[in-house]
Protein backbone atom coordinates (compact mmCIF):
# COMPACT_ATOMS: atom_id res chain seq x y z
CA UNK A 1 11.45 -50.89 -34.79
CA UNK A 2 9.65 -51.40 -38.07
CA UNK A 3 6.19 -52.91 -38.03
CA UNK A 4 5.56 -55.86 -40.21
CA UNK A 5 2.83 -55.75 -42.81
CA UNK A 6 0.36 -57.92 -40.77
CA UNK A 7 0.83 -55.62 -37.77
CA UNK A 8 -0.09 -52.55 -39.87
CA UNK A 9 -3.26 -54.25 -41.09
CA UNK A 10 -4.16 -55.16 -37.54
CA UNK A 11 -3.77 -51.56 -36.31
CA UNK A 12 -5.88 -50.21 -39.20
CA UNK A 13 -8.57 -52.76 -38.43
CA UNK A 14 -8.73 -51.72 -34.78
CA UNK A 15 -8.89 -48.02 -35.75
CA UNK A 16 -11.70 -48.67 -38.22
CA UNK A 17 -13.64 -50.64 -35.61
CA UNK A 18 -13.19 -47.84 -33.06
CA UNK A 19 -14.45 -45.29 -35.55
CA UNK A 20 -17.43 -47.51 -36.40
CA UNK A 21 -18.37 -47.81 -32.73
CA UNK A 22 -18.02 -44.05 -32.34
CA UNK A 23 -20.33 -43.43 -35.31
CA UNK A 24 -22.85 -45.89 -33.91
CA UNK A 25 -22.78 -44.08 -30.57
CA UNK A 26 -23.29 -40.70 -32.32
CA UNK A 27 -26.22 -42.12 -34.25
CA UNK A 28 -27.79 -43.40 -31.02
CA UNK A 29 -27.38 -40.00 -29.37
CA UNK A 30 -28.85 -38.23 -32.39
CA UNK A 31 -31.80 -40.59 -32.53
CA UNK A 32 -32.37 -40.27 -28.79
CA UNK A 33 -32.50 -36.47 -29.03
CA UNK A 34 -34.89 -36.69 -31.96
CA UNK A 35 -37.12 -39.05 -30.01
CA UNK A 36 -36.91 -36.88 -26.87
CA UNK A 37 -37.01 -33.24 -28.07
CA UNK A 38 -37.52 -31.92 -24.51
CA UNK A 39 -34.40 -33.61 -23.14
CA UNK A 40 -32.32 -30.40 -23.16
CA UNK A 41 -35.24 -28.44 -21.73
CA UNK A 42 -35.33 -30.84 -18.78
CA UNK A 43 -31.55 -30.74 -18.45
CA UNK A 44 -30.59 -27.09 -19.16
CA UNK A 45 -27.25 -27.42 -17.37
CA UNK A 46 -25.98 -29.43 -20.36
CA UNK A 47 -26.43 -26.49 -22.75
CA UNK A 48 -23.44 -24.62 -21.40
CA UNK A 49 -21.22 -27.64 -22.14
CA UNK A 50 -22.30 -28.00 -25.78
CA UNK A 51 -19.93 -26.13 -28.07
CA UNK A 52 -20.61 -25.02 -31.64
CA UNK A 53 -18.00 -23.92 -34.15
CA UNK A 54 -18.72 -20.47 -35.57
CA UNK A 55 -16.49 -19.27 -38.36
CA UNK A 56 -12.79 -20.11 -38.45
CA UNK A 57 -11.67 -19.19 -34.93
CA UNK A 58 -14.57 -18.72 -32.52
CA UNK A 59 -16.29 -21.42 -30.51
CA UNK A 60 -19.53 -20.75 -28.61
CA UNK A 61 -21.64 -22.72 -26.22
CA UNK A 62 -25.14 -23.49 -27.47
CA UNK A 63 -26.61 -20.89 -25.11
CA UNK A 64 -24.18 -18.21 -26.33
CA UNK A 65 -24.95 -19.08 -29.93
CA UNK A 66 -28.70 -18.81 -29.29
CA UNK A 67 -28.24 -15.45 -27.60
CA UNK A 68 -26.11 -14.18 -30.49
CA UNK A 69 -28.68 -15.41 -33.01
CA UNK A 70 -31.47 -13.62 -31.13
CA UNK A 71 -29.42 -10.42 -30.95
CA UNK A 72 -28.68 -10.54 -34.68
CA UNK A 73 -32.36 -11.12 -35.45
CA UNK A 74 -33.38 -8.28 -33.14
CA UNK A 75 -30.87 -5.95 -34.79
CA UNK A 76 -32.23 -6.90 -38.21
CA UNK A 77 -35.82 -6.27 -37.11
CA UNK A 78 -34.85 -2.88 -35.65
CA UNK A 79 -33.22 -1.96 -38.97
CA UNK A 80 -36.36 -2.94 -40.86
CA UNK A 81 -38.52 -0.96 -38.45
CA UNK A 82 -36.37 2.16 -38.89
CA UNK A 83 -36.56 1.77 -42.66
CA UNK A 84 -40.36 1.43 -42.51
CA UNK A 85 -40.65 4.53 -40.31
CA UNK A 86 -38.45 6.52 -42.69
CA UNK A 87 -40.57 5.41 -45.65
CA UNK A 88 -43.78 6.30 -43.80
CA UNK A 89 -42.39 9.74 -42.94
CA UNK A 90 -41.34 10.36 -46.54
CA UNK A 91 -44.78 9.29 -47.80
CA UNK A 92 -46.45 11.60 -45.28
CA UNK A 93 -44.39 14.53 -46.57
CA UNK A 94 -45.24 13.65 -50.18
CA UNK A 95 -48.94 13.46 -49.38
CA UNK A 96 -48.80 16.89 -47.71
CA UNK A 97 -47.07 18.35 -50.78
CA UNK A 98 -49.67 16.75 -53.07
CA UNK A 99 -52.46 18.35 -51.03
CA UNK A 100 -50.81 21.78 -51.22
CA UNK A 101 -50.29 21.39 -54.95
CA UNK A 102 -53.92 20.41 -55.55
CA UNK A 103 -55.43 23.18 -53.44
CA UNK A 104 -53.27 25.78 -55.18
CA UNK A 105 -54.55 24.68 -58.60
CA UNK A 106 -58.18 25.06 -57.54
CA UNK A 107 -57.72 28.84 -57.49
CA UNK A 108 -57.02 29.04 -61.26
CA UNK A 109 -59.77 30.56 -63.40
CA UNK A 110 -58.57 29.87 -66.97
CA UNK A 111 -56.72 27.09 -68.78
CA UNK A 112 -53.53 29.03 -69.53
CA UNK A 113 -53.10 30.05 -65.90
CA UNK A 114 -53.88 26.50 -64.78
CA UNK A 115 -51.30 24.90 -67.09
CA UNK A 116 -48.65 27.42 -66.16
CA UNK A 117 -49.24 26.89 -62.45
CA UNK A 118 -49.22 23.10 -62.82
CA UNK A 119 -45.74 23.24 -64.34
CA UNK A 120 -44.33 25.88 -62.01
CA UNK A 121 -45.74 24.34 -58.83
CA UNK A 122 -44.46 20.87 -59.70
CA UNK A 123 -40.96 22.25 -60.28
CA UNK A 124 -40.96 24.26 -57.08
CA UNK A 125 -42.75 21.94 -54.64
CA UNK A 126 -41.16 18.70 -55.79
CA UNK A 127 -37.75 20.12 -56.72
CA UNK A 128 -37.90 19.04 -60.35
CA UNK A 129 -35.68 20.41 -63.12
CA UNK A 130 -38.16 19.92 -65.92
CA UNK A 131 -41.93 19.48 -66.28
CA UNK A 132 -43.95 19.15 -69.49
CA UNK A 133 -47.72 18.96 -69.87
CA UNK A 134 -49.22 17.49 -73.05
CA UNK A 135 -52.99 17.67 -73.58
CA UNK A 136 -55.00 15.62 -76.09
CA UNK A 137 -58.29 17.09 -77.28
CA UNK A 138 -59.92 20.27 -78.60
CA UNK A 139 -58.24 22.82 -76.34
CA UNK A 140 -57.33 26.43 -77.00
CA UNK A 141 -53.64 27.34 -77.07
CA UNK A 142 -52.45 27.20 -73.47
CA UNK A 143 -48.67 27.53 -73.41
CA UNK A 144 -46.52 26.31 -71.79
CA UNK A 145 -48.67 23.14 -72.24
CA UNK A 146 -48.65 21.46 -75.66
CA UNK A 147 -51.94 20.48 -77.32
CA UNK A 148 -52.37 17.47 -79.61
CA UNK A 149 -55.37 16.25 -81.58
CA UNK A 150 -54.81 12.51 -81.03
CA UNK A 151 -52.91 10.16 -78.75
CA UNK A 152 -51.02 8.76 -81.75
CA UNK A 153 -49.19 12.08 -82.05
CA UNK A 154 -47.78 11.64 -78.55
CA UNK A 155 -46.86 8.02 -79.23
CA UNK A 156 -45.00 9.04 -82.39
CA UNK A 157 -43.30 11.94 -80.63
CA UNK A 158 -41.96 9.77 -77.82
CA UNK A 159 -41.75 6.47 -79.72
CA UNK A 160 -43.73 4.88 -76.88
CA UNK A 161 -47.27 3.48 -76.75
CA UNK A 162 -47.71 2.79 -72.99
CA UNK A 163 -49.09 -0.74 -73.54
CA UNK A 164 -49.98 -1.29 -69.87
CA UNK A 165 -51.02 2.34 -69.21
CA UNK A 166 -48.43 2.59 -66.43
CA UNK A 167 -45.86 5.38 -65.93
CA UNK A 168 -42.44 4.85 -67.47
CA UNK A 169 -39.47 5.90 -65.32
CA UNK A 170 -35.75 5.98 -66.06
CA UNK A 171 -33.48 7.24 -68.83
CA UNK A 172 -35.00 8.85 -71.91
CA UNK A 173 -33.51 9.33 -75.37
CA UNK A 174 -32.34 12.80 -76.34
CA UNK A 175 -34.89 13.27 -79.14
CA UNK A 176 -37.95 12.69 -76.88
CA UNK A 177 -36.35 14.84 -74.13
CA UNK A 178 -35.80 17.68 -76.59
CA UNK A 179 -39.42 17.47 -77.80
CA UNK A 180 -40.72 17.54 -74.23
CA UNK A 181 -38.41 19.93 -72.40
CA UNK A 182 -36.51 21.92 -75.02
CA UNK A 183 -32.81 22.81 -75.04
CA UNK A 184 -32.38 22.47 -71.26
CA UNK A 185 -33.10 18.75 -71.53
CA UNK A 186 -29.45 17.92 -72.33
CA UNK A 187 -28.73 18.03 -68.59
CA UNK A 188 -31.69 15.86 -67.57
CA UNK A 189 -30.57 12.40 -66.50
CA UNK A 190 -33.84 10.68 -65.48
CA UNK A 191 -37.50 11.14 -66.39
CA UNK A 192 -40.99 9.93 -65.54
CA UNK A 193 -43.66 9.80 -68.25
CA UNK A 194 -47.15 9.55 -66.73
CA UNK A 195 -50.08 8.90 -69.09
CA UNK A 196 -53.29 10.76 -68.31
CA UNK A 197 -56.01 8.25 -69.07
CA UNK A 198 -55.85 5.03 -71.05
CA UNK A 199 -53.18 5.15 -73.77
CA UNK A 200 -52.68 8.86 -73.02
CA UNK A 201 -56.23 9.65 -74.16
CA UNK A 202 -56.20 12.73 -71.92
CA UNK A 203 -52.55 13.63 -72.44
CA UNK A 204 -49.25 13.13 -70.69
CA UNK A 205 -47.39 14.56 -67.71
CA UNK A 206 -43.60 14.39 -68.00
CA UNK A 207 -41.19 15.01 -65.11
CA UNK A 208 -37.40 15.34 -65.35
CA UNK A 209 -34.40 15.62 -63.06
CA UNK A 210 -30.66 16.14 -63.36
CA UNK A 211 -30.29 13.40 -60.75
CA UNK A 212 -29.88 10.05 -62.51
CA UNK A 213 -31.38 8.19 -59.54
CA UNK A 214 -34.46 10.41 -59.10
CA UNK A 215 -36.63 8.33 -61.44
CA UNK A 216 -35.85 4.65 -61.99
CA UNK A 217 -37.84 1.68 -63.35
CA UNK A 218 -38.23 0.09 -59.90
CA UNK A 219 -39.63 3.12 -58.09
CA UNK A 220 -43.17 3.40 -56.77
CA UNK A 221 -45.46 5.57 -58.89
CA UNK A 222 -48.49 6.03 -56.63
CA UNK A 223 -47.99 9.75 -56.04
CA UNK A 224 -47.11 10.75 -59.59
CA UNK A 225 -50.17 8.83 -60.83
CA UNK A 226 -52.30 10.64 -58.24
CA UNK A 227 -50.98 13.99 -59.46
CA UNK A 228 -51.54 13.10 -63.12
CA UNK A 229 -55.11 11.96 -62.46
CA UNK A 230 -55.87 15.20 -60.62
CA UNK A 231 -54.36 17.33 -63.38
CA UNK A 232 -56.38 15.42 -65.98
CA UNK A 233 -59.60 16.02 -64.05
CA UNK A 234 -58.88 19.76 -63.73
CA UNK A 235 -58.11 20.43 -67.41
CA UNK A 236 -60.90 18.29 -68.85
CA UNK A 237 -63.71 20.88 -68.33
CA UNK A 238 -61.77 23.36 -70.49
CA UNK A 239 -62.00 21.12 -73.56
CA UNK A 240 -64.22 22.61 -76.25
CA UNK A 241 -67.15 20.41 -77.22
């Protein structure tokens, strides 16, 4: 039997009214829960009957969802804690290597021996493929270190002026790499340039690796700055006045 047009309108009207009443009831429940935030605390048995949709297929009770949320948060916190412990352990190892490096340099009695040991120890202890030491000032020849009269010579050599006096880490052009490390530099994929003093007034310490990820612009530079500052302090007394 076909419904007449007035009958269809009447059915739609009743459905719309039913939906309106349902929405009004939902609004009352929502408002009641907002006005009485401890209602579910006082009636915990209701929690197991409240279902929440999670994803496309799964449905959880409110209690199950809360438990899952707490487990996920706990797992995330455990992951962060493990990462922090790993970082702390790595930093502890780096600090121990820095101490060994520094104490070994204190045994040097002349500038040439000191510069040679700085380069060799850095390569060996920190597993680096290339190390270059540039000194600025009135120093005697002390190969393998390079000696310059002014900081501008280093800036021109590397086409870099270190405007914020912070180390520069990442990829380096072939011309600066060749000037710093020689022919072997073609295999070096990442470098760290660490100024010694403001605007390289004391010189520069350059580190290189065949590993492209060893030195990157986002890495922390605390330890390489510590090493550079120590090296600068050790070579400074050898400058001729």
